[in-house]
Protein backbone atom coordinates (compact mmCIF):
# COMPACT_ATOMS: atom_id res chain seq x y z
CA MET A 1 1.43 -61.29 -1.49
CA GLU A 2 -1.90 -62.92 -2.73
CA LEU A 3 -1.78 -63.98 -6.75
CA ARG A 4 -4.29 -61.84 -8.66
CA GLN A 5 -5.64 -62.32 -12.24
CA ILE A 6 -5.90 -58.79 -14.03
CA PRO A 7 -6.71 -58.66 -17.52
CA PHE A 8 -5.27 -55.68 -19.54
CA GLY A 9 -8.91 -54.51 -20.62
CA LYS A 10 -12.44 -55.77 -19.49
CA PRO A 11 -15.80 -54.20 -20.71
CA MET A 12 -17.57 -52.70 -17.83
CA ILE A 13 -21.33 -53.71 -18.36
CA ASP A 14 -23.88 -54.17 -15.71
CA ASP A 15 -27.72 -53.96 -16.05
CA SER A 16 -28.07 -50.17 -17.35
CA GLU A 17 -26.62 -51.67 -20.53
CA ILE A 18 -28.75 -54.65 -20.40
CA ASP A 19 -31.91 -52.89 -19.49
CA ALA A 20 -31.27 -50.44 -22.30
CA VAL A 21 -30.61 -53.25 -24.85
CA VAL A 22 -33.81 -55.04 -23.72
CA ALA A 23 -35.81 -52.04 -24.23
CA VAL A 24 -34.47 -51.75 -27.77
CA LEU A 25 -35.13 -55.22 -28.52
CA LYS A 26 -38.66 -54.69 -27.37
CA GLY A 27 -39.32 -51.73 -29.50
CA PRO A 28 -40.14 -51.39 -33.31
CA GLN A 29 -36.47 -50.20 -34.73
CA LEU A 30 -33.23 -51.69 -34.69
CA VAL A 31 -31.76 -49.38 -37.06
CA HIS A 32 -32.44 -45.82 -38.13
CA GLY A 33 -33.97 -45.22 -34.61
CA PRO A 34 -34.08 -42.32 -32.18
CA VAL A 35 -31.48 -43.98 -29.61
CA THR A 36 -28.65 -43.33 -32.06
CA HIS A 37 -29.92 -39.83 -32.42
CA ARG A 38 -29.73 -39.35 -28.89
CA PHE A 39 -26.41 -40.89 -28.63
CA GLU A 40 -24.95 -38.73 -31.46
CA GLU A 41 -26.24 -35.39 -29.53
CA ALA A 42 -25.19 -36.54 -26.36
CA PHE A 43 -21.61 -37.29 -27.67
CA ALA A 44 -21.01 -34.16 -29.71
CA GLU A 45 -22.11 -32.34 -26.28
CA ARG A 46 -19.47 -34.26 -24.36
CA VAL A 47 -16.76 -33.73 -26.92
CA GLY A 48 -17.85 -29.91 -27.67
CA ALA A 49 -18.40 -30.44 -31.44
CA ARG A 50 -21.30 -29.17 -33.84
CA HIS A 51 -21.91 -32.75 -35.18
CA ALA A 52 -21.37 -36.28 -34.27
CA THR A 53 -22.26 -39.10 -36.65
CA SER A 54 -22.30 -42.84 -35.20
CA VAL A 55 -20.64 -45.13 -37.43
CA SER A 56 -19.82 -49.08 -37.52
CA SER A 57 -16.14 -48.59 -36.48
CA CYS A 58 -13.52 -45.99 -36.17
CA THR A 59 -11.81 -47.32 -39.08
CA ALA A 60 -15.06 -46.70 -40.80
CA GLY A 61 -15.06 -43.34 -39.51
CA LEU A 62 -11.47 -42.63 -40.62
CA HIS A 63 -12.53 -43.97 -44.37
CA LEU A 64 -15.52 -41.75 -44.49
CA ALA A 65 -13.30 -38.46 -43.35
CA LEU A 66 -11.09 -39.24 -46.46
CA PHE A 67 -13.83 -40.54 -48.92
CA VAL A 68 -16.27 -37.40 -48.38
CA GLU A 69 -13.16 -35.36 -49.22
CA ASP A 70 -12.56 -37.30 -52.29
CA ALA A 71 -9.02 -38.39 -51.34
CA GLY A 72 -8.07 -40.81 -54.23
CA PRO A 73 -5.21 -41.66 -56.48
CA GLY A 74 -2.37 -39.18 -56.79
CA ASP A 75 -2.92 -37.86 -53.37
CA GLU A 76 -0.83 -38.44 -50.18
CA VAL A 77 -1.66 -38.73 -46.80
CA ILE A 78 0.66 -38.22 -43.90
CA VAL A 79 0.28 -40.59 -41.24
CA PRO A 80 2.63 -41.66 -38.00
CA ALA A 81 4.59 -45.02 -38.51
CA MET A 82 3.48 -45.94 -34.94
CA THR A 83 -0.25 -46.35 -34.93
CA HIS A 84 -2.85 -49.15 -35.26
CA VAL A 85 -2.62 -50.50 -38.92
CA ALA A 86 -6.37 -49.05 -39.34
CA THR A 87 -5.09 -45.64 -39.91
CA ALA A 88 -3.02 -46.40 -42.91
CA HIS A 89 -5.47 -48.75 -44.31
CA ALA A 90 -7.92 -46.03 -44.16
CA VAL A 91 -5.77 -44.35 -46.78
CA GLU A 92 -5.36 -47.49 -48.99
CA PHE A 93 -9.09 -47.78 -48.79
CA CYS A 94 -9.23 -44.80 -50.99
CA GLY A 95 -6.30 -45.44 -53.32
CA ALA A 96 -4.67 -42.67 -51.97
CA LYS A 97 -1.03 -42.99 -50.84
CA PRO A 98 0.22 -43.10 -47.25
CA ILE A 99 3.24 -41.10 -46.32
CA PHE A 100 4.80 -42.37 -42.98
CA VAL A 101 6.56 -40.31 -40.69
CA ASP A 102 8.40 -41.29 -37.31
CA VAL A 103 7.45 -40.22 -33.89
CA ASP A 104 8.59 -38.06 -31.04
CA PRO A 105 10.48 -40.39 -28.57
CA ALA A 106 8.92 -38.41 -25.59
CA THR A 107 5.32 -39.04 -26.63
CA GLY A 108 4.82 -41.69 -29.32
CA ASN A 109 3.17 -38.95 -31.55
CA ILE A 110 4.08 -37.93 -34.95
CA ASP A 111 6.87 -35.77 -35.18
CA PRO A 112 5.78 -32.09 -36.22
CA ALA A 113 8.95 -31.38 -38.00
CA GLY A 114 8.84 -34.45 -39.76
CA LEU A 115 5.63 -34.14 -40.77
CA ALA A 116 6.04 -30.41 -42.03
CA ALA A 117 9.20 -31.92 -44.17
CA ALA A 118 6.98 -34.57 -45.71
CA ILE A 119 4.28 -32.31 -47.05
CA THR A 120 4.61 -32.08 -50.95
CA PRO A 121 2.26 -30.65 -53.45
CA ARG A 122 0.35 -33.78 -53.58
CA THR A 123 -0.26 -33.81 -49.81
CA LYS A 124 -4.30 -34.00 -49.26
CA THR A 125 -4.21 -34.31 -45.60
CA ALA A 126 -2.53 -35.56 -42.46
CA MET A 127 -4.24 -38.09 -40.50
CA VAL A 128 -2.71 -37.69 -36.73
CA VAL A 129 -3.01 -40.24 -34.12
CA HIS A 130 -2.87 -39.18 -30.49
CA TYR A 131 -1.16 -41.78 -29.27
CA LEU A 132 -2.47 -43.92 -26.22
CA GLY A 133 -4.78 -40.77 -25.68
CA LEU A 134 -2.02 -38.00 -25.26
CA PRO A 135 -2.77 -35.29 -28.08
CA CYS A 136 -0.40 -34.66 -30.56
CA ASP A 137 1.34 -31.00 -30.59
CA MET A 138 -1.30 -29.62 -32.91
CA ASP A 139 -0.13 -26.23 -33.06
CA PRO A 140 2.66 -26.45 -35.67
CA ILE A 141 0.91 -29.37 -37.09
CA LEU A 142 -1.96 -27.33 -38.08
CA ALA A 143 0.07 -24.35 -39.01
CA ALA A 144 2.35 -26.53 -41.47
CA CYS A 145 -0.88 -28.38 -43.03
CA GLY A 146 -2.71 -24.79 -43.24
CA ALA A 147 0.16 -23.38 -45.17
CA ALA A 148 0.01 -26.13 -47.53
CA GLY A 149 -3.72 -26.21 -48.16
CA ALA A 150 -3.96 -29.34 -46.44
CA TYR A 151 -6.26 -30.21 -43.41
CA VAL A 152 -6.10 -32.58 -40.55
CA ILE A 153 -7.90 -35.52 -39.54
CA GLU A 154 -7.61 -36.58 -35.82
CA ASP A 155 -7.45 -40.38 -34.98
CA CYS A 156 -9.08 -40.23 -31.63
CA ALA A 157 -9.43 -43.96 -31.11
CA LEU A 158 -7.89 -43.68 -27.68
CA ALA A 159 -8.30 -40.01 -26.97
CA ILE A 160 -11.78 -39.55 -25.86
CA ASP A 161 -11.90 -36.28 -23.20
CA ALA A 162 -8.17 -35.72 -23.91
CA THR A 163 -7.15 -32.26 -24.07
CA TYR A 164 -4.97 -29.73 -26.05
CA GLY A 165 -4.56 -26.14 -24.74
CA GLY A 166 -7.86 -27.05 -22.75
CA ARG A 167 -9.96 -28.14 -26.00
CA LYS A 168 -10.87 -31.51 -26.57
CA ALA A 169 -9.82 -34.13 -28.72
CA GLY A 170 -12.02 -34.48 -31.68
CA THR A 171 -12.21 -30.70 -32.14
CA LEU A 172 -8.73 -29.92 -33.04
CA GLY A 173 -8.74 -30.99 -36.59
CA ARG A 174 -11.29 -30.63 -39.41
CA VAL A 175 -12.77 -33.93 -38.56
CA ALA A 176 -12.10 -36.90 -36.19
CA SER A 177 -12.84 -40.38 -35.53
CA PHE A 178 -13.56 -42.18 -32.22
CA SER A 179 -13.52 -45.90 -31.35
CA PHE A 180 -16.04 -47.70 -28.75
CA TYR A 181 -14.27 -50.96 -29.07
CA PRO A 182 -15.05 -53.27 -26.00
CA VAL A 183 -11.60 -52.25 -23.82
CA LYS A 184 -11.59 -48.78 -25.08
CA HIS A 185 -12.75 -45.97 -22.68
CA MET A 186 -16.48 -46.96 -23.10
CA THR A 187 -18.08 -49.22 -25.42
CA SER A 188 -20.97 -49.72 -27.75
CA ILE A 189 -19.83 -53.50 -28.33
CA GLU A 190 -18.51 -52.28 -31.70
CA GLY A 191 -18.77 -48.86 -33.38
CA GLY A 192 -17.27 -45.50 -33.63
CA MET A 193 -18.30 -41.80 -33.98
CA VAL A 194 -17.03 -39.03 -36.31
CA THR A 195 -17.07 -35.46 -34.94
CA THR A 196 -16.81 -32.23 -36.83
CA ASP A 197 -17.49 -28.46 -36.72
CA ASP A 198 -17.97 -28.26 -40.32
CA ASP A 199 -21.81 -28.23 -41.14
CA VAL A 200 -21.38 -29.43 -44.96
CA LEU A 201 -18.72 -32.22 -44.11
CA GLY A 202 -20.96 -33.04 -41.22
CA ALA A 203 -23.82 -33.51 -43.25
CA ALA A 204 -21.81 -35.30 -46.07
CA ILE A 205 -20.62 -37.85 -43.66
CA ALA A 206 -23.93 -38.65 -42.02
CA GLN A 207 -25.35 -39.11 -45.82
CA ARG A 208 -22.78 -41.20 -47.10
CA LYS A 209 -22.24 -43.72 -44.07
CA ALA A 210 -25.75 -44.84 -45.37
CA PHE A 211 -25.41 -45.58 -49.34
CA GLY A 212 -25.77 -41.69 -50.32
CA TYR A 213 -29.62 -41.59 -49.61
CA ASP A 214 -31.02 -38.39 -50.33
CA ARG A 215 -33.13 -38.65 -47.02
CA ASN A 216 -33.36 -41.02 -44.04
CA VAL A 217 -36.38 -43.06 -43.30
CA GLY A 218 -38.05 -40.58 -41.14
CA GLU A 219 -38.02 -38.13 -43.90
CA ARG A 220 -39.34 -39.99 -46.59
CA LYS A 221 -42.78 -38.73 -47.54
CA LYS A 222 -43.57 -41.93 -49.19
CA PRO A 223 -42.49 -44.99 -47.25
CA GLY A 224 -39.81 -47.01 -49.18
CA VAL A 225 -39.17 -44.45 -51.71
CA TYR A 226 -35.74 -42.40 -52.00
CA ASP A 227 -33.09 -41.33 -54.17
CA VAL A 228 -29.37 -41.94 -53.98
CA VAL A 229 -27.67 -38.63 -54.78
CA ALA A 230 -24.04 -39.74 -53.98
CA LEU A 231 -21.69 -43.00 -53.58
CA GLY A 232 -21.98 -44.23 -49.99
CA TYR A 233 -21.33 -47.31 -47.82
CA ASN A 234 -23.35 -49.03 -45.06
CA TYR A 235 -21.35 -47.56 -42.11
CA ARG A 236 -24.22 -47.33 -39.83
CA MET A 237 -24.63 -48.16 -36.05
CA ASN A 238 -27.61 -49.78 -34.84
CA GLU A 239 -29.88 -48.96 -32.04
CA VAL A 240 -28.93 -51.92 -29.95
CA GLU A 241 -25.04 -50.57 -29.89
CA ALA A 242 -26.04 -46.98 -29.39
CA ALA A 243 -28.03 -47.89 -26.45
CA VAL A 244 -24.83 -49.60 -25.10
CA GLY A 245 -23.08 -46.34 -25.71
CA LEU A 246 -25.64 -44.20 -24.48
CA ALA A 247 -25.59 -46.16 -20.93
CA GLN A 248 -21.78 -46.22 -21.01
CA LEU A 249 -21.27 -42.22 -21.90
CA GLY A 250 -23.40 -42.00 -18.60
CA LYS A 251 -20.69 -43.81 -16.60
CA LEU A 252 -17.48 -42.05 -18.49
CA ASP A 253 -16.77 -39.52 -15.55
CA ARG A 254 -16.47 -42.36 -13.02
CA PHE A 255 -14.50 -44.49 -15.89
CA GLN A 256 -11.94 -41.50 -16.50
CA ALA A 257 -11.56 -40.83 -12.76
CA ALA A 258 -10.43 -44.44 -12.25
CA ARG A 259 -7.96 -44.31 -15.08
CA LYS A 260 -6.43 -41.32 -13.93
CA ALA A 261 -5.99 -42.54 -10.40
CA ASN A 262 -4.52 -45.79 -11.43
CA PHE A 263 -2.34 -44.17 -13.93
CA ALA A 264 -0.50 -42.22 -11.21
CA THR A 265 -0.23 -45.08 -8.97
CA LEU A 266 1.69 -47.15 -11.76
CA ALA A 267 3.86 -44.15 -12.28
CA ALA A 268 4.79 -43.88 -8.93
CA HIS A 269 6.02 -47.48 -8.85
CA ILE A 270 7.60 -47.31 -12.41
CA GLY A 271 8.53 -43.76 -13.22
CA ALA A 272 11.78 -44.04 -10.99
CA ILE A 273 12.98 -47.48 -12.53
CA GLU A 274 16.30 -46.97 -14.20
CA GLY A 275 16.47 -47.59 -17.97
CA VAL A 276 12.51 -47.57 -18.17
CA THR A 277 11.11 -44.83 -20.24
CA VAL A 278 7.34 -43.93 -19.23
CA MET A 279 5.04 -42.15 -21.77
CA PRO A 280 3.86 -39.12 -19.90
CA ALA A 281 0.03 -38.40 -18.80
CA THR A 282 0.54 -34.72 -19.74
CA HIS A 283 3.18 -33.04 -22.14
CA GLY A 284 3.00 -29.33 -23.10
CA LYS A 285 -0.36 -28.39 -23.78
CA SER A 286 -1.46 -31.95 -24.02
CA VAL A 287 -3.37 -33.95 -21.40
CA SER A 288 -3.85 -37.76 -22.05
CA SER A 289 -7.37 -39.69 -21.66
CA HIS A 290 -5.20 -42.22 -19.86
CA TYR A 291 -6.07 -45.24 -21.88
CA CYS A 292 -3.39 -47.41 -20.44
CA PHE A 293 0.28 -47.20 -18.88
CA ASN A 294 3.21 -47.61 -21.41
CA ALA A 295 6.63 -48.45 -20.02
CA ILE A 296 9.36 -48.76 -22.79
CA LEU A 297 12.29 -51.12 -22.22
CA PRO A 298 16.11 -49.84 -23.30
CA LYS A 299 16.61 -49.67 -26.97
CA ASP A 300 19.75 -51.71 -26.57
CA GLY A 301 17.54 -54.83 -25.10
CA SER A 302 19.21 -54.98 -21.94
CA ILE A 303 16.10 -55.96 -20.63
CA ASP A 304 14.45 -58.72 -22.61
CA ARG A 305 10.91 -57.94 -23.19
CA ASP A 306 9.69 -61.65 -23.68
CA ARG A 307 11.07 -62.63 -20.04
CA VAL A 308 9.19 -59.30 -18.35
CA VAL A 309 6.02 -60.39 -20.08
CA ALA A 310 6.21 -63.88 -19.15
CA GLY A 311 7.00 -62.56 -15.40
CA LEU A 312 4.05 -60.42 -15.41
CA LYS A 313 2.01 -63.28 -16.71
CA GLU A 314 3.17 -65.60 -13.84
CA LYS A 315 1.90 -62.72 -11.63
CA GLY A 316 -1.49 -62.70 -13.01
CA ILE A 317 -0.81 -59.08 -14.55
CA GLY A 318 -2.33 -58.94 -18.22
CA SER A 319 -0.41 -56.79 -20.70
CA SER A 320 -0.46 -55.85 -24.23
CA VAL A 321 1.75 -54.15 -26.96
CA HIS A 322 1.09 -50.64 -28.66
CA TYR A 323 2.19 -51.47 -31.49
CA PRO A 324 3.57 -54.77 -32.47
CA GLY A 325 5.36 -53.36 -35.39
CA ALA A 326 6.00 -49.87 -37.18
CA VAL A 327 3.08 -49.92 -39.98
CA PRO A 328 5.45 -49.13 -42.60
CA LEU A 329 7.65 -52.32 -41.85
CA MET A 330 4.46 -54.41 -41.87
CA SER A 331 4.40 -56.94 -44.72
CA TYR A 332 1.90 -55.34 -46.83
CA TYR A 333 3.16 -52.16 -46.57
CA ALA A 334 6.88 -53.09 -46.71
CA GLU A 335 6.41 -55.17 -49.61
CA LYS A 336 4.12 -52.43 -51.74
CA TYR A 337 6.33 -49.36 -50.67
CA GLY A 338 9.65 -50.81 -50.24
CA TYR A 339 10.37 -49.58 -46.80
CA ARG A 340 13.11 -51.10 -44.54
CA SER A 341 14.17 -51.46 -41.15
CA GLY A 342 15.91 -48.47 -39.89
CA GLN A 343 14.00 -45.80 -41.78
CA PHE A 344 11.61 -45.20 -38.52
CA PRO A 345 13.97 -45.80 -35.55
CA VAL A 346 11.73 -44.34 -32.58
CA ALA A 347 8.67 -46.26 -34.03
CA GLU A 348 10.99 -49.32 -34.44
CA TRP A 349 12.07 -48.94 -30.89
CA LEU A 350 8.70 -48.56 -29.41
CA ALA A 351 7.30 -51.72 -31.28
CA ALA A 352 10.22 -53.75 -30.32
CA GLN A 353 10.19 -52.85 -26.30
CA THR A 354 6.95 -51.38 -25.33
CA ILE A 355 5.03 -52.99 -22.39
CA SER A 356 1.26 -51.55 -22.03
CA LEU A 357 -0.20 -52.07 -18.39
CA PRO A 358 -3.90 -51.91 -17.65
CA VAL A 359 -5.31 -48.94 -15.74
CA GLY A 360 -9.00 -49.36 -16.96
CA PRO A 361 -11.90 -49.17 -14.28
CA HIS A 362 -12.25 -52.82 -14.21
CA LEU A 363 -9.11 -52.91 -11.75
CA ALA A 364 -10.07 -53.64 -8.27
CA GLU A 365 -8.92 -51.89 -5.06
CA GLY A 366 -5.37 -52.53 -4.71
CA ASP A 367 -4.73 -53.85 -8.23
CA ALA A 368 -2.72 -50.65 -9.49
CA ASP A 369 -0.28 -50.91 -6.89
CA TYR A 370 0.01 -54.99 -7.16
CA ILE A 371 0.77 -54.40 -10.85
CA GLY A 372 3.29 -51.45 -10.22
CA GLN A 373 5.05 -53.46 -7.71
CA GLY A 374 4.79 -56.45 -9.71
CA PHE A 375 6.45 -54.78 -12.72
CA ALA A 376 9.35 -53.49 -10.58
CA ASP A 377 9.97 -57.10 -9.08
CA VAL A 378 9.87 -58.77 -12.51
CA ILE A 379 12.46 -55.90 -13.73
CA ARG A 380 14.90 -56.78 -10.87
CA ALA A 381 14.45 -60.53 -11.50
CA VAL A 382 15.14 -60.20 -14.95
CA ARG A 383 18.08 -57.81 -14.45
CA GLY A 384 19.58 -60.35 -11.92
């Protein structure tokens, strides 16, 4: 079999994005412009949310979601132990305390029973992460939080177009944040989007992503004159990023179809390998966005992950890990809060034994079969 070179991810950029960027650069506005507004409107329609506000990153969006609701010292925010560290960092930015909960071994999503048990009178919100694009089991989560007077924030960094009971991620909680990092489902170079159906919250997020101005540039009766009515950040997206995002949004159906097909091909090769757990594309009411294909090796370490990754590399197959450690056991959080190994066994297993494989639209014809067969061959070789 001919050796291929397949990266884990690759931004899919062509002349449509380049032309859109050139048009912005030739125009009069690089920020505060109409392209950003068009992108927000198109994204809100795609997700099915009343409001979509562009931001500089998904992390900024998560921070704003907490900030505008005055999360701060004395408040607790429930987060999954298995996620990107940005989820917990957003809580720390506000001075609130992250309360980590282990995840479900079948999905990698926060365990609803563990979440309910973690709620205290100090719980401000639960920030749930749709792990690798598979929505969390939202019904019991929303019920538990609602009974406690807490609200739910969705971390949708990997979940664009994912659904739960037919509803799209980003409309399931009070507010959500998406990522447009270069190797996500779509990109705006950097950037993110915050969605909500709450009119007051949507207006507050839009205002406080831009210093807390009382009116936008186009709303000012006297140029350069405004008031500041609230504390805010500079979390804006610029027109160049929005132009790329709009072009990408127009390709998203094609991108998503490729991801779904490539995922199915990998599942056919890898799903029956003894001892290898595959994170599913569907579970209960949840349907994934197919960000990547996650194969998890046995807990007992009987298949050495480093050897598998090395074998894949020899075949030109890029891989990744989601994520390299349970967040509460990373040095900052372990040292600050005293967490210890063994407290989050499922998250620790995933961190130690996960191998993430590519399914993105950058895969050429036959690449998914090559990856699936290559993975199976490497597992057999490692097992001897």
